[in-house]
Amino acid sequence: MTFGEHQDAALDDTDRGILTMLQEDCRAALARIGEHVGLSAPSVLERIKKLEAAGVITGYHATLDARRLGFDVTAFIGVITSHPNLIATIERQLVALNGVLECHHVTGEYTLLLKVKTANTSSLEELITAVRSLEGVTRTETTVVLSTHAESVQLALRPDERPPASPGKRSRRSADRNGYLKRA
């Protein structure tokens, strides 16, 4: 089975440990990652390259403090469209707008749900006006965030839950509480 067929089934504890560390700090030294997962730096690099080739790792990014960069307003905009055939076109136009961070096709009252960040309420109003002006958008509803207590793009990756080793065979590695492998 390949990553593409069912990604989670092809990942082992070592892959999960590597991915967890990369999510925490994508600039972590290969040797440091290797210490946590029980591999050499070249073996870690080989695993990372395979995860990239399989599309599991899609990029490496810096996490920025939006407020320190002048983006003080976070909001969610629910977008209702007039016809299902217009959704793909509207999505392309929405993600091209400055301030739109995420665009999700959702179930429920809205067709699309946007996460946006803007400098202030005036720039938020301009963005809402731009969204409403798109052909096929019939209505929007905006919720402004007052404060954020948790915001993350990191996925929680648990190690495989495997049955204990058979009697007489001792496992050489076990996972710690963070999913990293350690020598037993």
N, C-alpha and C. Protein backbone atom coordinates (compact mmCIF):
# COMPACT_ATOMS: atom_id res chain seq x y z
N MET A 1 0.85 -1.18 0.00
CA MET A 1 0.00 0.00 0.00
C MET A 1 0.89 1.24 0.00
N THR A 2 0.57 2.21 -0.80
CA THR A 2 1.38 3.42 -0.88
C THR A 2 0.77 4.52 -0.03
N PHE A 3 1.55 5.60 0.17
CA PHE A 3 1.05 6.75 0.94
C PHE A 3 -0.24 7.27 0.33
N GLY A 4 -0.28 7.37 -1.00
CA GLY A 4 -1.43 7.95 -1.69
C GLY A 4 -2.71 7.15 -1.51
N GLU A 5 -2.59 5.81 -1.40
CA GLU A 5 -3.78 4.97 -1.27
C GLU A 5 -4.42 5.16 0.10
N HIS A 6 -3.63 5.15 1.12
CA HIS A 6 -4.13 5.40 2.47
C HIS A 6 -2.94 5.86 3.29
N GLN A 7 -2.77 7.14 3.38
CA GLN A 7 -1.56 7.72 3.95
C GLN A 7 -1.25 7.19 5.34
N ASP A 8 -2.23 7.15 6.22
CA ASP A 8 -1.96 6.78 7.59
C ASP A 8 -1.47 5.35 7.72
N ALA A 9 -1.99 4.43 6.87
CA ALA A 9 -1.62 3.03 6.96
C ALA A 9 -0.15 2.83 6.62
N ALA A 10 0.42 3.66 5.75
CA ALA A 10 1.79 3.48 5.32
C ALA A 10 2.79 4.14 6.27
N LEU A 11 2.32 4.99 7.17
CA LEU A 11 3.22 5.65 8.10
C LEU A 11 3.50 4.76 9.30
N ASP A 12 4.76 4.63 9.65
CA ASP A 12 5.08 3.88 10.85
C ASP A 12 5.42 4.87 11.97
N ASP A 13 5.76 4.33 13.14
CA ASP A 13 6.07 5.18 14.29
C ASP A 13 7.23 6.13 14.00
N THR A 14 8.21 5.64 13.25
CA THR A 14 9.37 6.48 12.91
C THR A 14 8.95 7.65 12.04
N ASP A 15 8.13 7.40 11.02
CA ASP A 15 7.63 8.48 10.17
C ASP A 15 6.85 9.50 11.00
N ARG A 16 5.99 9.00 11.88
CA ARG A 16 5.20 9.91 12.73
C ARG A 16 6.10 10.74 13.63
N GLY A 17 7.12 10.13 14.18
CA GLY A 17 8.06 10.88 15.02
C GLY A 17 8.78 11.97 14.23
N ILE A 18 9.20 11.64 13.03
CA ILE A 18 9.87 12.62 12.16
C ILE A 18 8.91 13.75 11.83
N LEU A 19 7.70 13.42 11.44
CA LEU A 19 6.71 14.43 11.08
C LEU A 19 6.36 15.33 12.26
N THR A 20 6.24 14.75 13.44
CA THR A 20 5.93 15.53 14.63
C THR A 20 7.05 16.54 14.90
N MET A 21 8.29 16.09 14.81
CA MET A 21 9.42 16.99 15.05
C MET A 21 9.49 18.08 13.99
N LEU A 22 9.26 17.74 12.73
CA LEU A 22 9.30 18.74 11.67
C LEU A 22 8.19 19.78 11.84
N GLN A 23 7.03 19.35 12.31
CA GLN A 23 5.96 20.30 12.56
C GLN A 23 6.33 21.27 13.67
N GLU A 24 7.04 20.79 14.68
CA GLU A 24 7.44 21.64 15.79
C GLU A 24 8.56 22.59 15.38
N ASP A 25 9.50 22.09 14.57
CA ASP A 25 10.63 22.91 14.13
C ASP A 25 11.19 22.31 12.85
N CYS A 26 10.81 22.88 11.72
CA CYS A 26 11.24 22.31 10.44
C CYS A 26 12.72 22.56 10.18
N ARG A 27 13.36 23.34 11.03
CA ARG A 27 14.80 23.58 10.89
C ARG A 27 15.62 22.69 11.83
N ALA A 28 14.98 21.75 12.50
CA ALA A 28 15.68 20.85 13.41
C ALA A 28 16.75 20.06 12.65
N ALA A 29 17.88 19.90 13.27
CA ALA A 29 18.98 19.16 12.66
C ALA A 29 18.57 17.70 12.46
N LEU A 30 18.99 17.14 11.34
CA LEU A 30 18.67 15.74 11.05
C LEU A 30 19.20 14.82 12.15
N ALA A 31 20.36 15.13 12.68
CA ALA A 31 20.94 14.30 13.75
C ALA A 31 20.05 14.33 15.00
N ARG A 32 19.49 15.51 15.32
CA ARG A 32 18.61 15.63 16.49
C ARG A 32 17.33 14.83 16.26
N ILE A 33 16.77 14.91 15.06
CA ILE A 33 15.57 14.13 14.74
C ILE A 33 15.91 12.64 14.84
N GLY A 34 17.07 12.28 14.30
CA GLY A 34 17.51 10.89 14.34
C GLY A 34 17.64 10.34 15.75
N GLU A 35 18.14 11.17 16.67
CA GLU A 35 18.25 10.75 18.08
C GLU A 35 16.88 10.40 18.65
N HIS A 36 15.88 11.17 18.29
CA HIS A 36 14.54 10.95 18.83
C HIS A 36 13.85 9.73 18.23
N VAL A 37 14.15 9.42 16.98
CA VAL A 37 13.46 8.31 16.33
C VAL A 37 14.31 7.07 16.17
N GLY A 38 15.57 7.15 16.59
CA GLY A 38 16.44 5.98 16.53
C GLY A 38 17.03 5.69 15.17
N LEU A 39 17.29 6.74 14.37
CA LEU A 39 17.89 6.56 13.05
C LEU A 39 19.10 7.48 12.91
N SER A 40 19.93 7.18 11.92
CA SER A 40 21.04 8.07 11.58
C SER A 40 20.49 9.25 10.79
N ALA A 41 21.26 10.33 10.73
CA ALA A 41 20.85 11.52 9.96
C ALA A 41 20.58 11.18 8.49
N PRO A 42 21.44 10.39 7.82
CA PRO A 42 21.14 10.05 6.43
C PRO A 42 19.84 9.26 6.27
N SER A 43 19.54 8.39 7.23
CA SER A 43 18.29 7.62 7.17
C SER A 43 17.08 8.53 7.37
N VAL A 44 17.22 9.53 8.26
CA VAL A 44 16.14 10.50 8.47
C VAL A 44 15.91 11.27 7.17
N LEU A 45 17.00 11.72 6.53
CA LEU A 45 16.87 12.46 5.28
C LEU A 45 16.17 11.62 4.21
N GLU A 46 16.52 10.34 4.14
CA GLU A 46 15.89 9.45 3.16
C GLU A 46 14.39 9.34 3.43
N ARG A 47 14.02 9.20 4.69
CA ARG A 47 12.60 9.12 5.05
C ARG A 47 11.88 10.43 4.68
N ILE A 48 12.50 11.56 4.98
CA ILE A 48 11.90 12.86 4.67
C ILE A 48 11.68 12.99 3.17
N LYS A 49 12.67 12.59 2.38
CA LYS A 49 12.53 12.68 0.92
C LYS A 49 11.38 11.81 0.42
N LYS A 50 11.22 10.62 1.01
CA LYS A 50 10.11 9.74 0.62
C LYS A 50 8.77 10.37 1.01
N LEU A 51 8.71 11.00 2.18
CA LEU A 51 7.47 11.65 2.62
C LEU A 51 7.14 12.85 1.73
N GLU A 52 8.17 13.56 1.27
CA GLU A 52 7.96 14.67 0.34
C GLU A 52 7.47 14.15 -1.01
N ALA A 53 8.12 13.12 -1.51
CA ALA A 53 7.75 12.55 -2.82
C ALA A 53 6.32 12.00 -2.81
N ALA A 54 5.90 11.48 -1.67
CA ALA A 54 4.56 10.92 -1.55
C ALA A 54 3.50 12.00 -1.32
N GLY A 55 3.93 13.23 -1.13
CA GLY A 55 2.98 14.32 -0.91
C GLY A 55 2.50 14.45 0.52
N VAL A 56 3.10 13.70 1.44
CA VAL A 56 2.74 13.82 2.86
C VAL A 56 3.27 15.15 3.39
N ILE A 57 4.51 15.47 3.06
CA ILE A 57 5.09 16.78 3.40
C ILE A 57 4.91 17.65 2.16
N THR A 58 4.18 18.74 2.32
CA THR A 58 3.88 19.60 1.17
C THR A 58 4.66 20.90 1.16
N GLY A 59 5.40 21.20 2.22
CA GLY A 59 6.20 22.42 2.25
C GLY A 59 6.71 22.69 3.65
N TYR A 60 7.54 23.71 3.75
CA TYR A 60 8.13 24.14 5.02
C TYR A 60 7.87 25.63 5.14
N HIS A 61 7.35 26.06 6.29
CA HIS A 61 6.91 27.44 6.44
C HIS A 61 7.32 28.03 7.78
N ALA A 62 7.52 29.33 7.78
CA ALA A 62 7.73 30.06 9.02
C ALA A 62 6.37 30.44 9.59
N THR A 63 6.22 30.40 10.89
CA THR A 63 5.00 30.84 11.54
C THR A 63 5.20 32.29 11.97
N LEU A 64 4.32 33.17 11.51
CA LEU A 64 4.47 34.60 11.76
C LEU A 64 3.44 35.09 12.76
N ASP A 65 3.79 36.11 13.52
CA ASP A 65 2.86 36.75 14.44
C ASP A 65 2.12 37.83 13.66
N ALA A 66 0.87 37.56 13.31
CA ALA A 66 0.09 38.47 12.46
C ALA A 66 -0.06 39.85 13.10
N ARG A 67 -0.28 39.91 14.40
CA ARG A 67 -0.46 41.20 15.07
C ARG A 67 0.80 42.06 14.98
N ARG A 68 1.96 41.46 15.14
CA ARG A 68 3.21 42.23 15.06
C ARG A 68 3.47 42.74 13.65
N LEU A 69 2.79 42.13 12.68
CA LEU A 69 2.93 42.55 11.29
C LEU A 69 1.78 43.46 10.84
N GLY A 70 0.94 43.85 11.80
CA GLY A 70 -0.12 44.80 11.50
C GLY A 70 -1.44 44.20 11.08
N PHE A 71 -1.60 42.89 11.21
CA PHE A 71 -2.87 42.25 10.87
C PHE A 71 -3.60 41.95 12.18
N ASP A 72 -4.35 42.94 12.66
CA ASP A 72 -4.96 42.86 13.98
C ASP A 72 -6.34 42.20 14.01
N VAL A 73 -6.98 42.05 12.86
CA VAL A 73 -8.34 41.51 12.83
C VAL A 73 -8.36 40.14 12.15
N THR A 74 -8.88 39.17 12.88
CA THR A 74 -9.13 37.84 12.32
C THR A 74 -10.64 37.66 12.26
N ALA A 75 -11.12 37.12 11.17
CA ALA A 75 -12.57 36.91 11.03
C ALA A 75 -12.83 35.65 10.20
N PHE A 76 -14.02 35.14 10.36
CA PHE A 76 -14.51 34.03 9.54
C PHE A 76 -15.68 34.57 8.73
N ILE A 77 -15.65 34.32 7.44
CA ILE A 77 -16.72 34.80 6.57
C ILE A 77 -17.41 33.59 5.95
N GLY A 78 -18.71 33.45 6.26
CA GLY A 78 -19.51 32.41 5.63
C GLY A 78 -20.04 32.97 4.32
N VAL A 79 -19.87 32.22 3.24
CA VAL A 79 -20.27 32.66 1.91
C VAL A 79 -21.34 31.72 1.38
N ILE A 80 -22.44 32.30 0.93
CA ILE A 80 -23.51 31.52 0.31
C ILE A 80 -23.51 31.84 -1.18
N THR A 81 -23.51 30.78 -2.00
CA THR A 81 -23.46 30.96 -3.45
C THR A 81 -24.81 30.63 -4.07
N SER A 82 -24.99 31.13 -5.30
CA SER A 82 -26.28 30.97 -5.98
C SER A 82 -26.43 29.64 -6.71
N HIS A 83 -25.32 29.04 -7.11
CA HIS A 83 -25.43 27.81 -7.90
C HIS A 83 -24.18 26.94 -7.69
N PRO A 84 -24.35 25.63 -7.54
CA PRO A 84 -23.21 24.74 -7.32
C PRO A 84 -22.16 24.78 -8.45
N ASN A 85 -22.59 25.06 -9.66
CA ASN A 85 -21.64 25.09 -10.77
C ASN A 85 -20.65 26.25 -10.68
N LEU A 86 -20.93 27.23 -9.83
CA LEU A 86 -20.06 28.41 -9.71
C LEU A 86 -19.02 28.27 -8.59
N ILE A 87 -19.13 27.23 -7.79
CA ILE A 87 -18.28 27.12 -6.60
C ILE A 87 -16.80 27.14 -6.95
N ALA A 88 -16.36 26.34 -7.89
CA ALA A 88 -14.93 26.27 -8.23
C ALA A 88 -14.40 27.62 -8.69
N THR A 89 -15.17 28.32 -9.49
CA THR A 89 -14.76 29.65 -9.98
C THR A 89 -14.68 30.63 -8.82
N ILE A 90 -15.67 30.61 -7.95
CA ILE A 90 -15.67 31.51 -6.79
C ILE A 90 -14.50 31.19 -5.87
N GLU A 91 -14.23 29.91 -5.65
CA GLU A 91 -13.09 29.53 -4.80
C GLU A 91 -11.79 30.11 -5.34
N ARG A 92 -11.56 29.98 -6.64
CA ARG A 92 -10.33 30.53 -7.24
C ARG A 92 -10.23 32.03 -7.04
N GLN A 93 -11.35 32.73 -7.19
CA GLN A 93 -11.36 34.18 -7.02
C GLN A 93 -11.14 34.57 -5.56
N LEU A 94 -11.72 33.82 -4.66
CA LEU A 94 -11.59 34.12 -3.22
C LEU A 94 -10.15 33.96 -2.74
N VAL A 95 -9.50 32.87 -3.11
CA VAL A 95 -8.14 32.64 -2.61
C VAL A 95 -7.15 33.64 -3.21
N ALA A 96 -7.54 34.33 -4.26
CA ALA A 96 -6.68 35.35 -4.86
C ALA A 96 -6.79 36.70 -4.13
N LEU A 97 -7.80 36.84 -3.26
CA LEU A 97 -7.98 38.10 -2.54
C LEU A 97 -6.99 38.22 -1.39
N ASN A 98 -6.39 39.39 -1.24
CA ASN A 98 -5.49 39.64 -0.11
C ASN A 98 -6.25 39.52 1.20
N GLY A 99 -5.68 38.79 2.13
CA GLY A 99 -6.29 38.62 3.44
C GLY A 99 -6.96 37.29 3.63
N VAL A 100 -7.28 36.59 2.55
CA VAL A 100 -7.93 35.28 2.68
C VAL A 100 -6.86 34.24 2.95
N LEU A 101 -6.92 33.63 4.14
CA LEU A 101 -5.93 32.62 4.54
C LEU A 101 -6.40 31.21 4.21
N GLU A 102 -7.69 30.97 4.38
CA GLU A 102 -8.24 29.64 4.17
C GLU A 102 -9.58 29.76 3.47
N CYS A 103 -9.89 28.79 2.63
CA CYS A 103 -11.19 28.73 1.95
C CYS A 103 -11.63 27.27 1.98
N HIS A 104 -12.74 27.01 2.65
CA HIS A 104 -13.24 25.65 2.82
C HIS A 104 -14.64 25.53 2.22
N HIS A 105 -14.89 24.48 1.44
CA HIS A 105 -16.23 24.14 0.96
C HIS A 105 -16.84 23.32 2.08
N VAL A 106 -17.95 23.78 2.65
CA VAL A 106 -18.49 23.19 3.87
C VAL A 106 -19.95 22.77 3.71
N THR A 107 -20.42 21.98 4.65
CA THR A 107 -21.83 21.65 4.73
C THR A 107 -22.49 22.64 5.67
N GLY A 108 -23.80 22.67 5.67
CA GLY A 108 -24.52 23.56 6.57
C GLY A 108 -25.05 24.78 5.84
N GLU A 109 -25.21 25.86 6.58
CA GLU A 109 -25.82 27.08 6.05
C GLU A 109 -25.00 27.72 4.94
N TYR A 110 -23.68 27.66 5.06
CA TYR A 110 -22.80 28.30 4.08
C TYR A 110 -22.35 27.31 3.03
N THR A 111 -21.96 27.84 1.89
CA THR A 111 -21.33 27.02 0.86
C THR A 111 -19.83 26.97 1.11
N LEU A 112 -19.27 28.13 1.45
CA LEU A 112 -17.84 28.28 1.69
C LEU A 112 -17.62 28.98 3.02
N LEU A 113 -16.52 28.65 3.68
CA LEU A 113 -16.15 29.31 4.92
C LEU A 113 -14.72 29.81 4.76
N LEU A 114 -14.52 31.10 4.97
CA LEU A 114 -13.20 31.72 4.83
C LEU A 114 -12.65 32.10 6.18
N LYS A 115 -11.34 31.94 6.33
CA LYS A 115 -10.63 32.52 7.47
C LYS A 115 -9.80 33.65 6.88
N VAL A 116 -9.95 34.85 7.45
CA VAL A 116 -9.24 36.01 6.92
C VAL A 116 -8.53 36.76 8.03
N LYS A 117 -7.49 37.48 7.66
CA LYS A 117 -6.79 38.40 8.57
C LYS A 117 -6.59 39.70 7.83
N THR A 118 -6.96 40.79 8.50
CA THR A 118 -6.80 42.12 7.91
C THR A 118 -6.19 43.07 8.93
N ALA A 119 -5.79 44.23 8.47
CA ALA A 119 -5.15 45.21 9.35
C ALA A 119 -6.14 45.80 10.35
N ASN A 120 -7.35 46.08 9.92
CA ASN A 120 -8.33 46.75 10.78
C ASN A 120 -9.73 46.49 10.24
N THR A 121 -10.73 47.07 10.89
CA THR A 121 -12.10 46.83 10.46
C THR A 121 -12.39 47.47 9.10
N SER A 122 -11.72 48.56 8.77
CA SER A 122 -11.92 49.18 7.46
C SER A 122 -11.44 48.24 6.35
N SER A 123 -10.28 47.63 6.53
CA SER A 123 -9.79 46.70 5.50
C SER A 123 -10.62 45.43 5.49
N LEU A 124 -11.17 45.04 6.64
CA LEU A 124 -12.09 43.89 6.66
C LEU A 124 -13.34 44.22 5.85
N GLU A 125 -13.87 45.43 6.03
CA GLU A 125 -15.05 45.84 5.27
C GLU A 125 -14.77 45.83 3.77
N GLU A 126 -13.60 46.29 3.37
CA GLU A 126 -13.22 46.26 1.95
C GLU A 126 -13.16 44.83 1.42
N LEU A 127 -12.62 43.92 2.22
CA LEU A 127 -12.55 42.52 1.82
C LEU A 127 -13.94 41.92 1.69
N ILE A 128 -14.82 42.21 2.64
CA ILE A 128 -16.19 41.69 2.58
C ILE A 128 -16.88 42.22 1.32
N THR A 129 -16.68 43.49 1.01
CA THR A 129 -17.27 44.08 -0.19
C THR A 129 -16.75 43.37 -1.44
N ALA A 130 -15.46 43.07 -1.47
CA ALA A 130 -14.88 42.35 -2.61
C ALA A 130 -15.48 40.96 -2.75
N VAL A 131 -15.67 40.27 -1.63
CA VAL A 131 -16.27 38.94 -1.65
C VAL A 131 -17.71 39.02 -2.17
N ARG A 132 -18.47 39.96 -1.64
CA ARG A 132 -19.87 40.11 -2.05
C ARG A 132 -20.03 40.49 -3.51
N SER A 133 -19.01 41.12 -4.08
CA SER A 133 -19.10 41.56 -5.47
C SER A 133 -18.83 40.46 -6.48
N LEU A 134 -18.36 39.30 -6.02
CA LEU A 134 -18.08 38.20 -6.94
C LEU A 134 -19.39 37.63 -7.50
N GLU A 135 -19.37 37.37 -8.79
CA GLU A 135 -20.55 36.79 -9.44
C GLU A 135 -20.85 35.43 -8.82
N GLY A 136 -22.10 35.24 -8.41
CA GLY A 136 -22.51 33.98 -7.80
C GLY A 136 -22.57 34.01 -6.29
N VAL A 137 -22.01 35.04 -5.66
CA VAL A 137 -22.10 35.17 -4.21
C VAL A 137 -23.41 35.89 -3.90
N THR A 138 -24.29 35.22 -3.16
CA THR A 138 -25.59 35.83 -2.85
C THR A 138 -25.62 36.49 -1.48
N ARG A 139 -24.80 35.98 -0.54
CA ARG A 139 -24.83 36.53 0.81
C ARG A 139 -23.56 36.13 1.56
N THR A 140 -23.17 36.96 2.51
CA THR A 140 -22.07 36.62 3.41
C THR A 140 -22.50 36.88 4.84
N GLU A 141 -21.84 36.21 5.75
CA GLU A 141 -22.03 36.46 7.18
C GLU A 141 -20.66 36.40 7.83
N THR A 142 -20.31 37.44 8.56
CA THR A 142 -18.97 37.56 9.11
C THR A 142 -18.99 37.47 10.63
N THR A 143 -18.06 36.71 11.17
CA THR A 143 -17.84 36.61 12.61
C THR A 143 -16.43 37.11 12.88
N VAL A 144 -16.31 38.14 13.70
CA VAL A 144 -15.01 38.72 14.03
C VAL A 144 -14.50 38.04 15.30
N VAL A 145 -13.23 37.66 15.29
CA VAL A 145 -12.59 37.01 16.43
C VAL A 145 -12.17 38.08 17.44
N LEU A 146 -12.57 37.92 18.69
CA LEU A 146 -12.16 38.85 19.74
C LEU A 146 -10.80 38.48 20.32
N SER A 147 -10.60 37.19 20.54
CA SER A 147 -9.29 36.72 21.00
C SER A 147 -9.13 35.26 20.58
N THR A 148 -7.90 34.83 20.49
CA THR A 148 -7.60 33.47 20.07
C THR A 148 -6.81 32.79 21.18
N HIS A 149 -7.31 31.67 21.65
CA HIS A 149 -6.64 30.93 22.72
C HIS A 149 -5.82 29.76 22.19
N ALA A 150 -6.14 29.29 20.99
CA ALA A 150 -5.39 28.20 20.36
C ALA A 150 -5.54 28.33 18.86
N GLU A 151 -4.44 28.25 18.17
CA GLU A 151 -4.44 28.28 16.71
C GLU A 151 -3.22 27.50 16.26
N SER A 152 -3.45 26.47 15.46
CA SER A 152 -2.34 25.62 15.07
C SER A 152 -2.60 25.01 13.70
N VAL A 153 -1.54 24.72 13.01
CA VAL A 153 -1.64 23.96 11.77
C VAL A 153 -0.99 22.59 11.95
N GLN A 154 -0.55 22.29 13.17
CA GLN A 154 0.09 21.01 13.43
C GLN A 154 -0.95 19.91 13.62
N LEU A 155 -0.68 18.77 13.01
CA LEU A 155 -1.54 17.59 13.17
C LEU A 155 -1.00 16.71 14.28
N ALA A 156 -1.88 16.20 15.12
CA ALA A 156 -1.48 15.28 16.17
C ALA A 156 -1.29 13.91 15.54
N LEU A 157 -0.09 13.39 15.59
CA LEU A 157 0.22 12.09 14.99
C LEU A 157 0.55 11.11 16.09
N ARG A 158 -0.30 10.12 16.26
CA ARG A 158 -0.08 9.10 17.29
C ARG A 158 0.71 7.95 16.70
N PRO A 159 1.55 7.34 17.52
CA PRO A 159 2.25 6.14 17.03
C PRO A 159 1.25 5.02 16.80
N ASP A 160 1.63 4.09 15.93
CA ASP A 160 0.77 2.92 15.69
C ASP A 160 0.45 2.25 17.02
N GLU A 161 -0.77 1.82 17.14
CA GLU A 161 -1.14 1.04 18.32
C GLU A 161 -0.99 -0.43 17.94
N ARG A 162 0.10 -1.01 18.37
CA ARG A 162 0.41 -2.41 18.02
C ARG A 162 0.27 -3.29 19.24
N PRO A 163 -0.05 -4.55 19.03
CA PRO A 163 -0.11 -5.46 20.18
C PRO A 163 1.29 -5.62 20.78
N PRO A 164 1.36 -5.94 22.06
CA PRO A 164 2.68 -6.11 22.68
C PRO A 164 3.47 -7.22 21.99
N ALA A 165 4.78 -7.14 22.10
CA ALA A 165 5.67 -8.15 21.50
C ALA A 165 5.35 -9.51 22.09
N SER A 166 5.54 -10.55 21.28
CA SER A 166 5.25 -11.89 21.77
C SER A 166 6.22 -12.25 22.89
N PRO A 167 5.81 -13.17 23.79
CA PRO A 167 6.67 -13.55 24.92
C PRO A 167 8.04 -14.00 24.43
N GLY A 168 9.06 -13.61 25.14
CA GLY A 168 10.41 -13.99 24.79
C GLY A 168 11.08 -13.00 23.86
N LYS A 169 10.32 -12.14 23.21
CA LYS A 169 10.89 -11.12 22.34
C LYS A 169 10.66 -9.76 22.98
N ARG A 170 11.72 -9.07 23.20
CA ARG A 170 11.62 -7.76 23.81
C ARG A 170 11.72 -6.70 22.72
N SER A 171 10.80 -5.76 22.73
CA SER A 171 10.85 -4.67 21.76
C SER A 171 12.06 -3.80 22.05
N ARG A 172 12.80 -3.44 20.99
CA ARG A 172 13.98 -2.61 21.17
C ARG A 172 13.63 -1.14 21.26
N ARG A 173 12.45 -0.76 20.78
CA ARG A 173 12.06 0.65 20.80
C ARG A 173 10.63 0.78 21.30
N SER A 174 10.36 1.89 21.96
CA SER A 174 9.00 2.21 22.36
C SER A 174 8.81 3.71 22.19
N ALA A 175 7.57 4.13 22.11
CA ALA A 175 7.28 5.56 21.90
C ALA A 175 7.07 6.24 23.23
N ASP A 176 7.61 7.47 23.34
CA ASP A 176 7.34 8.25 24.54
C ASP A 176 5.99 8.94 24.39
N ARG A 177 5.60 9.77 25.35
CA ARG A 177 4.28 10.39 25.32
C ARG A 177 4.09 11.36 24.16
N ASN A 178 5.15 11.82 23.53
CA ASN A 178 5.05 12.72 22.40
C ASN A 178 5.07 12.00 21.06
N GLY A 179 5.15 10.68 21.08
CA GLY A 179 5.16 9.93 19.84
C GLY A 179 6.55 9.69 19.29
N TYR A 180 7.58 10.13 20.01
CA TYR A 180 8.95 9.91 19.55
C TYR A 180 9.39 8.52 20.01
N LEU A 181 10.19 7.90 19.19
CA LEU A 181 10.69 6.57 19.56
C LEU A 181 11.89 6.73 20.46
N LYS A 182 11.98 5.84 21.43
CA LYS A 182 13.15 5.84 22.31
C LYS A 182 13.62 4.39 22.44
N ARG A 183 14.85 4.26 22.71
CA ARG A 183 15.39 2.90 22.90
C ARG A 183 14.90 2.33 24.21
N ALA A 184 14.50 1.06 24.17
CA ALA A 184 13.98 0.38 25.38
C ALA A 184 15.12 -0.16 26.20
